[in-house]
Amino acid sequence: MCDEFFRRESNGKLGDIISEEKKSTIQVGTAKDLNGEYTFFISGDSVLSCDKPLLKNRPIYIPNEIELKVFNSIGYACLYDCIV
């Protein structure tokens, strides 16, 4: 079964569906003090908030040295450093 998978012709490239977003201008230290209406995802376990959205309805993948975290943003969200 695995051999069949690797013999298949590619139907796309990751670059067609994944993009690296610019790093947020909002720093994590600043977001800790905000009480905004939009979620602010960081690589740690906390989910903070921010005042202005940076993304809308996009899955968010936040890699760090140990693991890859996946968040599904329904509506608007902010992020610190990630791939969507």
PDB file of N, CA and C in Angstrom:
ATOM      1  N   MET A   1       0.828  -1.193   0.000  1.00  0.00           N
ATOM      2  CA  MET A   1       0.000   0.000   0.000  1.00  0.00           C
ATOM      3  C   MET A   1       0.873   1.258   0.000  1.00  0.00           C
ATOM      4  N   CYS A   2       1.939   1.250   0.750  1.00  0.00           N
ATOM      5  CA  CYS A   2       2.833   2.401   0.820  1.00  0.00           C
ATOM      6  C   CYS A   2       3.503   2.640  -0.533  1.00  0.00           C
ATOM      7  N   ASP A   3       3.896   1.576  -1.216  1.00  0.00           N
ATOM      8  CA  ASP A   3       4.523   1.716  -2.533  1.00  0.00           C
ATOM      9  C   ASP A   3       3.587   2.409  -3.515  1.00  0.00           C
ATOM     10  N   GLU A   4       2.302   2.077  -3.447  1.00  0.00           N
ATOM     11  CA  GLU A   4       1.320   2.687  -4.343  1.00  0.00           C
ATOM     12  C   GLU A   4       1.253   4.201  -4.116  1.00  0.00           C
ATOM     13  N   PHE A   5       1.311   4.613  -2.875  1.00  0.00           N
ATOM     14  CA  PHE A   5       1.265   6.042  -2.552  1.00  0.00           C
ATOM     15  C   PHE A   5       2.429   6.786  -3.205  1.00  0.00           C
ATOM     16  N   PHE A   6       3.619   6.244  -3.099  1.00  0.00           N
ATOM     17  CA  PHE A   6       4.797   6.931  -3.624  1.00  0.00           C
ATOM     18  C   PHE A   6       4.898   6.872  -5.150  1.00  0.00           C
ATOM     19  N   ARG A   7       4.146   5.998  -5.789  1.00  0.00           N
ATOM     20  CA  ARG A   7       4.128   5.944  -7.254  1.00  0.00           C
ATOM     21  C   ARG A   7       3.130   6.931  -7.854  1.00  0.00           C
ATOM     22  N   ARG A   8       2.271   7.479  -7.056  1.00  0.00           N
ATOM     23  CA  ARG A   8       1.263   8.414  -7.565  1.00  0.00           C
ATOM     24  C   ARG A   8       1.908   9.705  -8.052  1.00  0.00           C
ATOM     25  N   GLU A   9       1.278  10.270  -9.063  1.00  0.00           N
ATOM     26  CA  GLU A   9       1.741  11.549  -9.586  1.00  0.00           C
ATOM     27  C   GLU A   9       1.299  12.668  -8.641  1.00  0.00           C
ATOM     28  N   SER A  10       2.147  13.623  -8.438  1.00  0.00           N
ATOM     29  CA  SER A  10       1.840  14.753  -7.563  1.00  0.00           C
ATOM     30  C   SER A  10       0.670  15.551  -8.136  1.00  0.00           C
ATOM     31  N   ASN A  11      -0.226  15.983  -7.266  1.00  0.00           N
ATOM     32  CA  ASN A  11      -1.347  16.803  -7.731  1.00  0.00           C
ATOM     33  C   ASN A  11      -1.257  18.236  -7.203  1.00  0.00           C
ATOM     34  N   GLY A  12      -0.130  18.595  -6.670  1.00  0.00           N
ATOM     35  CA  GLY A  12       0.049  19.954  -6.166  1.00  0.00           C
ATOM     36  C   GLY A  12       1.333  20.082  -5.374  1.00  0.00           C
ATOM     37  N   LYS A  13       1.578  21.272  -4.914  1.00  0.00           N
ATOM     38  CA  LYS A  13       2.755  21.552  -4.105  1.00  0.00           C
ATOM     39  C   LYS A  13       2.314  22.225  -2.819  1.00  0.00           C
ATOM     40  N   LEU A  14       3.054  21.991  -1.750  1.00  0.00           N
ATOM     41  CA  LEU A  14       2.710  22.614  -0.476  1.00  0.00           C
ATOM     42  C   LEU A  14       2.659  24.133  -0.593  1.00  0.00           C
ATOM     43  N   GLY A  15       3.525  24.703  -1.399  1.00  0.00           N
ATOM     44  CA  GLY A  15       3.532  26.153  -1.583  1.00  0.00           C
ATOM     45  C   GLY A  15       2.241  26.697  -2.171  1.00  0.00           C
ATOM     46  N   ASP A  16       1.438  25.818  -2.796  1.00  0.00           N
ATOM     47  CA  ASP A  16       0.154  26.243  -3.354  1.00  0.00           C
ATOM     48  C   ASP A  16      -0.909  26.418  -2.277  1.00  0.00           C
ATOM     49  N   ILE A  17      -0.736  25.752  -1.144  1.00  0.00           N
ATOM     50  CA  ILE A  17      -1.763  25.797  -0.101  1.00  0.00           C
ATOM     51  C   ILE A  17      -1.261  26.332   1.233  1.00  0.00           C
ATOM     52  N   ILE A  18       0.045  26.443   1.401  1.00  0.00           N
ATOM     53  CA  ILE A  18       0.617  26.916   2.660  1.00  0.00           C
ATOM     54  C   ILE A  18       1.432  28.171   2.380  1.00  0.00           C
ATOM     55  N   SER A  19       1.269  29.161   3.218  1.00  0.00           N
ATOM     56  CA  SER A  19       2.082  30.367   3.081  1.00  0.00           C
ATOM     57  C   SER A  19       2.611  30.768   4.447  1.00  0.00           C
ATOM     58  N   GLU A  20       3.780  31.360   4.448  1.00  0.00           N
ATOM     59  CA  GLU A  20       4.338  31.864   5.696  1.00  0.00           C
ATOM     60  C   GLU A  20       3.925  33.317   5.824  1.00  0.00           C
ATOM     61  N   GLU A  21       3.260  33.629   6.901  1.00  0.00           N
ATOM     62  CA  GLU A  21       2.792  34.989   7.123  1.00  0.00           C
ATOM     63  C   GLU A  21       3.893  35.821   7.769  1.00  0.00           C
ATOM     64  N   LYS A  22       3.787  37.125   7.613  1.00  0.00           N
ATOM     65  CA  LYS A  22       4.737  38.025   8.255  1.00  0.00           C
ATOM     66  C   LYS A  22       4.589  37.929   9.769  1.00  0.00           C
ATOM     67  N   LYS A  23       5.685  38.152  10.443  1.00  0.00           N
ATOM     68  CA  LYS A  23       5.659  38.168  11.901  1.00  0.00           C
ATOM     69  C   LYS A  23       4.786  39.338  12.354  1.00  0.00           C
ATOM     70  N   SER A  24       4.010  39.104  13.378  1.00  0.00           N
ATOM     71  CA  SER A  24       3.118  40.129  13.893  1.00  0.00           C
ATOM     72  C   SER A  24       3.909  41.310  14.443  1.00  0.00           C
ATOM     73  N   THR A  25       3.339  42.492  14.298  1.00  0.00           N
ATOM     74  CA  THR A  25       3.943  43.666  14.922  1.00  0.00           C
ATOM     75  C   THR A  25       3.587  43.729  16.400  1.00  0.00           C
ATOM     76  N   ILE A  26       2.621  42.934  16.819  1.00  0.00           N
ATOM     77  CA  ILE A  26       2.234  42.861  18.226  1.00  0.00           C
ATOM     78  C   ILE A  26       3.165  41.866  18.912  1.00  0.00           C
ATOM     79  N   GLN A  27       3.849  42.290  19.925  1.00  0.00           N
ATOM     80  CA  GLN A  27       4.742  41.410  20.668  1.00  0.00           C
ATOM     81  C   GLN A  27       3.942  40.623  21.706  1.00  0.00           C
ATOM     82  N   VAL A  28       4.424  39.442  22.040  1.00  0.00           N
ATOM     83  CA  VAL A  28       3.734  38.590  23.009  1.00  0.00           C
ATOM     84  C   VAL A  28       3.575  39.321  24.337  1.00  0.00           C
ATOM     85  N   GLY A  29       4.611  40.020  24.775  1.00  0.00           N
ATOM     86  CA  GLY A  29       4.535  40.769  26.040  1.00  0.00           C
ATOM     87  C   GLY A  29       3.432  41.808  26.028  1.00  0.00           C
ATOM     88  N   THR A  30       3.223  42.447  24.888  1.00  0.00           N
ATOM     89  CA  THR A  30       2.154  43.437  24.747  1.00  0.00           C
ATOM     90  C   THR A  30       0.794  42.753  24.745  1.00  0.00           C
ATOM     91  N   ALA A  31       0.686  41.641  24.042  1.00  0.00           N
ATOM     92  CA  ALA A  31      -0.594  40.923  23.944  1.00  0.00           C
ATOM     93  C   ALA A  31      -1.049  40.400  25.303  1.00  0.00           C
ATOM     94  N   LYS A  32      -0.102  40.113  26.190  1.00  0.00           N
ATOM     95  CA  LYS A  32      -0.478  39.638  27.533  1.00  0.00           C
ATOM     96  C   LYS A  32      -1.301  40.681  28.274  1.00  0.00           C
ATOM     97  N   ASP A  33      -1.099  41.959  27.954  1.00  0.00           N
ATOM     98  CA  ASP A  33      -1.817  43.041  28.629  1.00  0.00           C
ATOM     99  C   ASP A  33      -3.076  43.483  27.885  1.00  0.00           C
ATOM    100  N   LEU A  34      -3.303  42.956  26.688  1.00  0.00           N
ATOM    101  CA  LEU A  34      -4.477  43.345  25.903  1.00  0.00           C
ATOM    102  C   LEU A  34      -5.685  42.505  26.290  1.00  0.00           C
ATOM    103  N   ASN A  35      -6.847  43.059  26.113  1.00  0.00           N
ATOM    104  CA  ASN A  35      -8.087  42.318  26.331  1.00  0.00           C
ATOM    105  C   ASN A  35      -8.959  42.503  25.090  1.00  0.00           C
ATOM    106  N   GLY A  36      -8.387  42.172  23.926  1.00  0.00           N
ATOM    107  CA  GLY A  36      -9.077  42.378  22.659  1.00  0.00           C
ATOM    108  C   GLY A  36     -10.077  41.283  22.350  1.00  0.00           C
ATOM    109  N   GLU A  37     -10.794  41.462  21.257  1.00  0.00           N
ATOM    110  CA  GLU A  37     -11.831  40.492  20.886  1.00  0.00           C
ATOM    111  C   GLU A  37     -11.329  39.395  19.951  1.00  0.00           C
ATOM    112  N   TYR A  38     -10.076  39.480  19.494  1.00  0.00           N
ATOM    113  CA  TYR A  38      -9.544  38.495  18.555  1.00  0.00           C
ATOM    114  C   TYR A  38      -8.509  37.608  19.239  1.00  0.00           C
ATOM    115  N   THR A  39      -8.550  36.332  18.916  1.00  0.00           N
ATOM    116  CA  THR A  39      -7.577  35.414  19.505  1.00  0.00           C
ATOM    117  C   THR A  39      -6.189  35.700  18.953  1.00  0.00           C
ATOM    118  N   PHE A  40      -5.187  35.541  19.815  1.00  0.00           N
ATOM    119  CA  PHE A  40      -3.792  35.791  19.462  1.00  0.00           C
ATOM    120  C   PHE A  40      -3.027  34.519  19.798  1.00  0.00           C
ATOM    121  N   PHE A  41      -2.649  33.768  18.768  1.00  0.00           N
ATOM    122  CA  PHE A  41      -1.984  32.487  18.961  1.00  0.00           C
ATOM    123  C   PHE A  41      -0.480  32.685  19.055  1.00  0.00           C
ATOM    124  N   ILE A  42       0.127  31.989  19.996  1.00  0.00           N
ATOM    125  CA  ILE A  42       1.580  32.023  20.154  1.00  0.00           C
ATOM    126  C   ILE A  42       2.080  30.585  20.211  1.00  0.00           C
ATOM    127  N   SER A  43       3.388  30.398  20.181  1.00  0.00           N
ATOM    128  CA  SER A  43       3.931  29.036  20.171  1.00  0.00           C
ATOM    129  C   SER A  43       3.817  28.348  21.527  1.00  0.00           C
ATOM    130  N   GLY A  44       3.586  29.097  22.583  1.00  0.00           N
ATOM    131  CA  GLY A  44       3.401  28.491  23.901  1.00  0.00           C
ATOM    132  C   GLY A  44       1.998  27.935  24.054  1.00  0.00           C
ATOM    133  N   ASP A  45       1.653  27.520  25.251  1.00  0.00           N
ATOM    134  CA  ASP A  45       0.341  26.930  25.501  1.00  0.00           C
ATOM    135  C   ASP A  45      -0.767  27.968  25.653  1.00  0.00           C
ATOM    136  N   SER A  46      -0.412  29.196  25.918  1.00  0.00           N
ATOM    137  CA  SER A  46      -1.419  30.236  26.129  1.00  0.00           C
ATOM    138  C   SER A  46      -2.020  30.702  24.807  1.00  0.00           C
ATOM    139  N   VAL A  47      -3.260  31.107  24.859  1.00  0.00           N
ATOM    140  CA  VAL A  47      -3.902  31.806  23.746  1.00  0.00           C
ATOM    141  C   VAL A  47      -4.304  33.160  24.310  1.00  0.00           C
ATOM    142  N   LEU A  48      -3.756  34.210  23.752  1.00  0.00           N
ATOM    143  CA  LEU A  48      -3.982  35.560  24.250  1.00  0.00           C
ATOM    144  C   LEU A  48      -5.037  36.249  23.391  1.00  0.00           C
ATOM    145  N   SER A  49      -5.134  37.560  23.474  1.00  0.00           N
ATOM    146  CA  SER A  49      -6.082  38.293  22.632  1.00  0.00           C
ATOM    147  C   SER A  49      -5.412  39.547  22.088  1.00  0.00           C
ATOM    148  N   CYS A  50      -6.004  40.104  21.038  1.00  0.00           N
ATOM    149  CA  CYS A  50      -5.474  41.329  20.438  1.00  0.00           C
ATOM    150  C   CYS A  50      -6.632  42.176  19.926  1.00  0.00           C
ATOM    151  N   ASP A  51      -6.307  43.405  19.558  1.00  0.00           N
ATOM    152  CA  ASP A  51      -7.334  44.369  19.165  1.00  0.00           C
ATOM    153  C   ASP A  51      -7.693  44.368  17.688  1.00  0.00           C
ATOM    154  N   LYS A  52      -6.758  43.941  16.826  1.00  0.00           N
ATOM    155  CA  LYS A  52      -7.069  43.953  15.392  1.00  0.00           C
ATOM    156  C   LYS A  52      -6.718  42.602  14.775  1.00  0.00           C
ATOM    157  N   PRO A  53      -7.570  42.102  13.878  1.00  0.00           N
ATOM    158  CA  PRO A  53      -7.326  40.792  13.276  1.00  0.00           C
ATOM    159  C   PRO A  53      -6.241  40.850  12.208  1.00  0.00           C
ATOM    160  N   LEU A  54      -5.539  39.754  12.050  1.00  0.00           N
ATOM    161  CA  LEU A  54      -4.528  39.641  11.008  1.00  0.00           C
ATOM    162  C   LEU A  54      -4.890  38.569   9.987  1.00  0.00           C
ATOM    163  N   LEU A  55      -5.722  37.614  10.364  1.00  0.00           N
ATOM    164  CA  LEU A  55      -6.137  36.516   9.484  1.00  0.00           C
ATOM    165  C   LEU A  55      -7.626  36.281   9.617  1.00  0.00           C
ATOM    166  N   LYS A  56      -8.212  35.639   8.612  1.00  0.00           N
ATOM    167  CA  LYS A  56      -9.623  35.256   8.688  1.00  0.00           C
ATOM    168  C   LYS A  56      -9.792  33.843   8.159  1.00  0.00           C
ATOM    169  N   ASN A  57     -10.424  32.991   8.970  1.00  0.00           N
ATOM    170  CA  ASN A  57     -10.803  31.627   8.584  1.00  0.00           C
ATOM    171  C   ASN A  57      -9.663  30.840   7.951  1.00  0.00           C
ATOM    172  N   ARG A  58      -8.532  30.774   8.600  1.00  0.00           N
ATOM    173  CA  ARG A  58      -7.384  30.032   8.090  1.00  0.00           C
ATOM    174  C   ARG A  58      -6.874  29.098   9.174  1.00  0.00           C
ATOM    175  N   PRO A  59      -6.509  27.886   8.821  1.00  0.00           N
ATOM    176  CA  PRO A  59      -5.833  27.043   9.808  1.00  0.00           C
ATOM    177  C   PRO A  59      -4.448  27.622  10.070  1.00  0.00           C
ATOM    178  N   ILE A  60      -4.020  27.565  11.302  1.00  0.00           N
ATOM    179  CA  ILE A  60      -2.750  28.157  11.696  1.00  0.00           C
ATOM    180  C   ILE A  60      -1.844  27.064  12.242  1.00  0.00           C
ATOM    181  N   TYR A  61      -0.636  26.977  11.732  1.00  0.00           N
ATOM    182  CA  TYR A  61       0.351  26.001  12.176  1.00  0.00           C
ATOM    183  C   TYR A  61       1.511  26.758  12.799  1.00  0.00           C
ATOM    184  N   ILE A  62       1.782  26.484  14.055  1.00  0.00           N
ATOM    185  CA  ILE A  62       2.859  27.180  14.742  1.00  0.00           C
ATOM    186  C   ILE A  62       3.944  26.181  15.105  1.00  0.00           C
ATOM    187  N   PRO A  63       5.055  26.211  14.398  1.00  0.00           N
ATOM    188  CA  PRO A  63       6.144  25.296  14.719  1.00  0.00           C
ATOM    189  C   PRO A  63       7.066  25.893  15.779  1.00  0.00           C
ATOM    190  N   ASN A  64       7.604  25.020  16.614  1.00  0.00           N
ATOM    191  CA  ASN A  64       8.705  25.430  17.475  1.00  0.00           C
ATOM    192  C   ASN A  64       9.721  24.300  17.478  1.00  0.00           C
ATOM    193  N   GLU A  65      10.675  24.336  18.345  1.00  0.00           N
ATOM    194  CA  GLU A  65      11.743  23.339  18.312  1.00  0.00           C
ATOM    195  C   GLU A  65      11.261  21.928  18.644  1.00  0.00           C
ATOM    196  N   ILE A  66      10.159  21.800  19.352  1.00  0.00           N
ATOM    197  CA  ILE A  66       9.721  20.503  19.867  1.00  0.00           C
ATOM    198  C   ILE A  66       8.511  19.944  19.138  1.00  0.00           C
ATOM    199  N   GLU A  67       7.543  20.774  18.800  1.00  0.00           N
ATOM    200  CA  GLU A  67       6.284  20.274  18.257  1.00  0.00           C
ATOM    201  C   GLU A  67       5.669  21.258  17.271  1.00  0.00           C
ATOM    202  N   LEU A  68       4.641  20.803  16.598  1.00  0.00           N
ATOM    203  CA  LEU A  68       3.876  21.648  15.689  1.00  0.00           C
ATOM    204  C   LEU A  68       2.471  21.769  16.256  1.00  0.00           C
ATOM    205  N   LYS A  69       2.036  22.976  16.524  1.00  0.00           N
ATOM    206  CA  LYS A  69       0.686  23.188  17.044  1.00  0.00           C
ATOM    207  C   LYS A  69      -0.211  23.620  15.892  1.00  0.00           C
ATOM    208  N   VAL A  70      -1.428  23.134  15.896  1.00  0.00           N
ATOM    209  CA  VAL A  70      -2.385  23.464  14.842  1.00  0.00           C
ATOM    210  C   VAL A  70      -3.613  24.090  15.490  1.00  0.00           C
ATOM    211  N   PHE A  71      -3.998  25.256  15.011  1.00  0.00           N
ATOM    212  CA  PHE A  71      -5.195  25.936  15.479  1.00  0.00           C
ATOM    213  C   PHE A  71      -6.072  26.179  14.261  1.00  0.00           C
ATOM    214  N   ASN A  72      -7.364  26.060  14.421  1.00  0.00           N
ATOM    215  CA  ASN A  72      -8.267  26.385  13.324  1.00  0.00           C
ATOM    216  C   ASN A  72      -8.991  27.659  13.694  1.00  0.00           C
ATOM    217  N   SER A  73      -8.696  28.711  12.995  1.00  0.00           N
ATOM    218  CA  SER A  73      -9.266  30.013  13.292  1.00  0.00           C
ATOM    219  C   SER A  73     -10.600  30.162  12.577  1.00  0.00           C
ATOM    220  N   ILE A  74     -11.674  30.134  13.331  1.00  0.00           N
ATOM    221  CA  ILE A  74     -12.996  30.388  12.767  1.00  0.00           C
ATOM    222  C   ILE A  74     -13.284  31.863  13.029  1.00  0.00           C
ATOM    223  N   GLY A  75     -13.374  32.632  12.003  1.00  0.00           N
ATOM    224  CA  GLY A  75     -13.505  34.073  12.157  1.00  0.00           C
ATOM    225  C   GLY A  75     -12.141  34.718  12.013  1.00  0.00           C
ATOM    226  N   TYR A  76     -11.902  35.737  12.766  1.00  0.00           N
ATOM    227  CA  TYR A  76     -10.650  36.486  12.669  1.00  0.00           C
ATOM    228  C   TYR A  76      -9.704  36.086  13.784  1.00  0.00           C
ATOM    229  N   ALA A  77      -8.406  36.195  13.525  1.00  0.00           N
ATOM    230  CA  ALA A  77      -7.407  35.859  14.532  1.00  0.00           C
ATOM    231  C   ALA A  77      -6.142  36.672  14.312  1.00  0.00           C
ATOM    232  N   CYS A  78      -5.305  36.661  15.314  1.00  0.00           N
ATOM    233  CA  CYS A  78      -3.986  37.269  15.248  1.00  0.00           C
ATOM    234  C   CYS A  78      -2.975  36.164  15.493  1.00  0.00           C
ATOM    235  N   LEU A  79      -1.751  36.405  15.140  1.00  0.00           N
ATOM    236  CA  LEU A  79      -0.720  35.410  15.362  1.00  0.00           C
ATOM    237  C   LEU A  79       0.598  36.102  15.585  1.00  0.00           C
ATOM    238  N   TYR A  80       1.523  35.387  16.211  1.00  0.00           N
ATOM    239  CA  TYR A  80       2.835  35.975  16.428  1.00  0.00           C
ATOM    240  C   TYR A  80       3.795  35.562  15.325  1.00  0.00           C
ATOM    241  N   ASP A  81       3.920  34.283  15.082  1.00  0.00           N
ATOM    242  CA  ASP A  81       4.916  33.797  14.128  1.00  0.00           C
ATOM    243  C   ASP A  81       4.444  32.432  13.648  1.00  0.00           C
ATOM    244  N   CYS A  82       3.997  32.315  12.407  1.00  0.00           N
ATOM    245  CA  CYS A  82       3.434  31.024  12.012  1.00  0.00           C
ATOM    246  C   CYS A  82       3.334  30.847  10.507  1.00  0.00           C
ATOM    247  N   ILE A  83       2.849  29.685  10.149  1.00  0.00           N
ATOM    248  CA  ILE A  83       2.590  29.316   8.766  1.00  0.00           C
ATOM    249  C   ILE A  83       1.100  29.048   8.654  1.00  0.00           C
ATOM    250  N   VAL A  84       0.483  29.515   7.575  1.00  0.00           N
ATOM    251  CA  VAL A  84      -0.952  29.234   7.395  1.00  0.00           C
ATOM    252  C   VAL A  84      -1.193  28.587   6.047  1.00  0.00           C
TER     253      VAL A  84
END
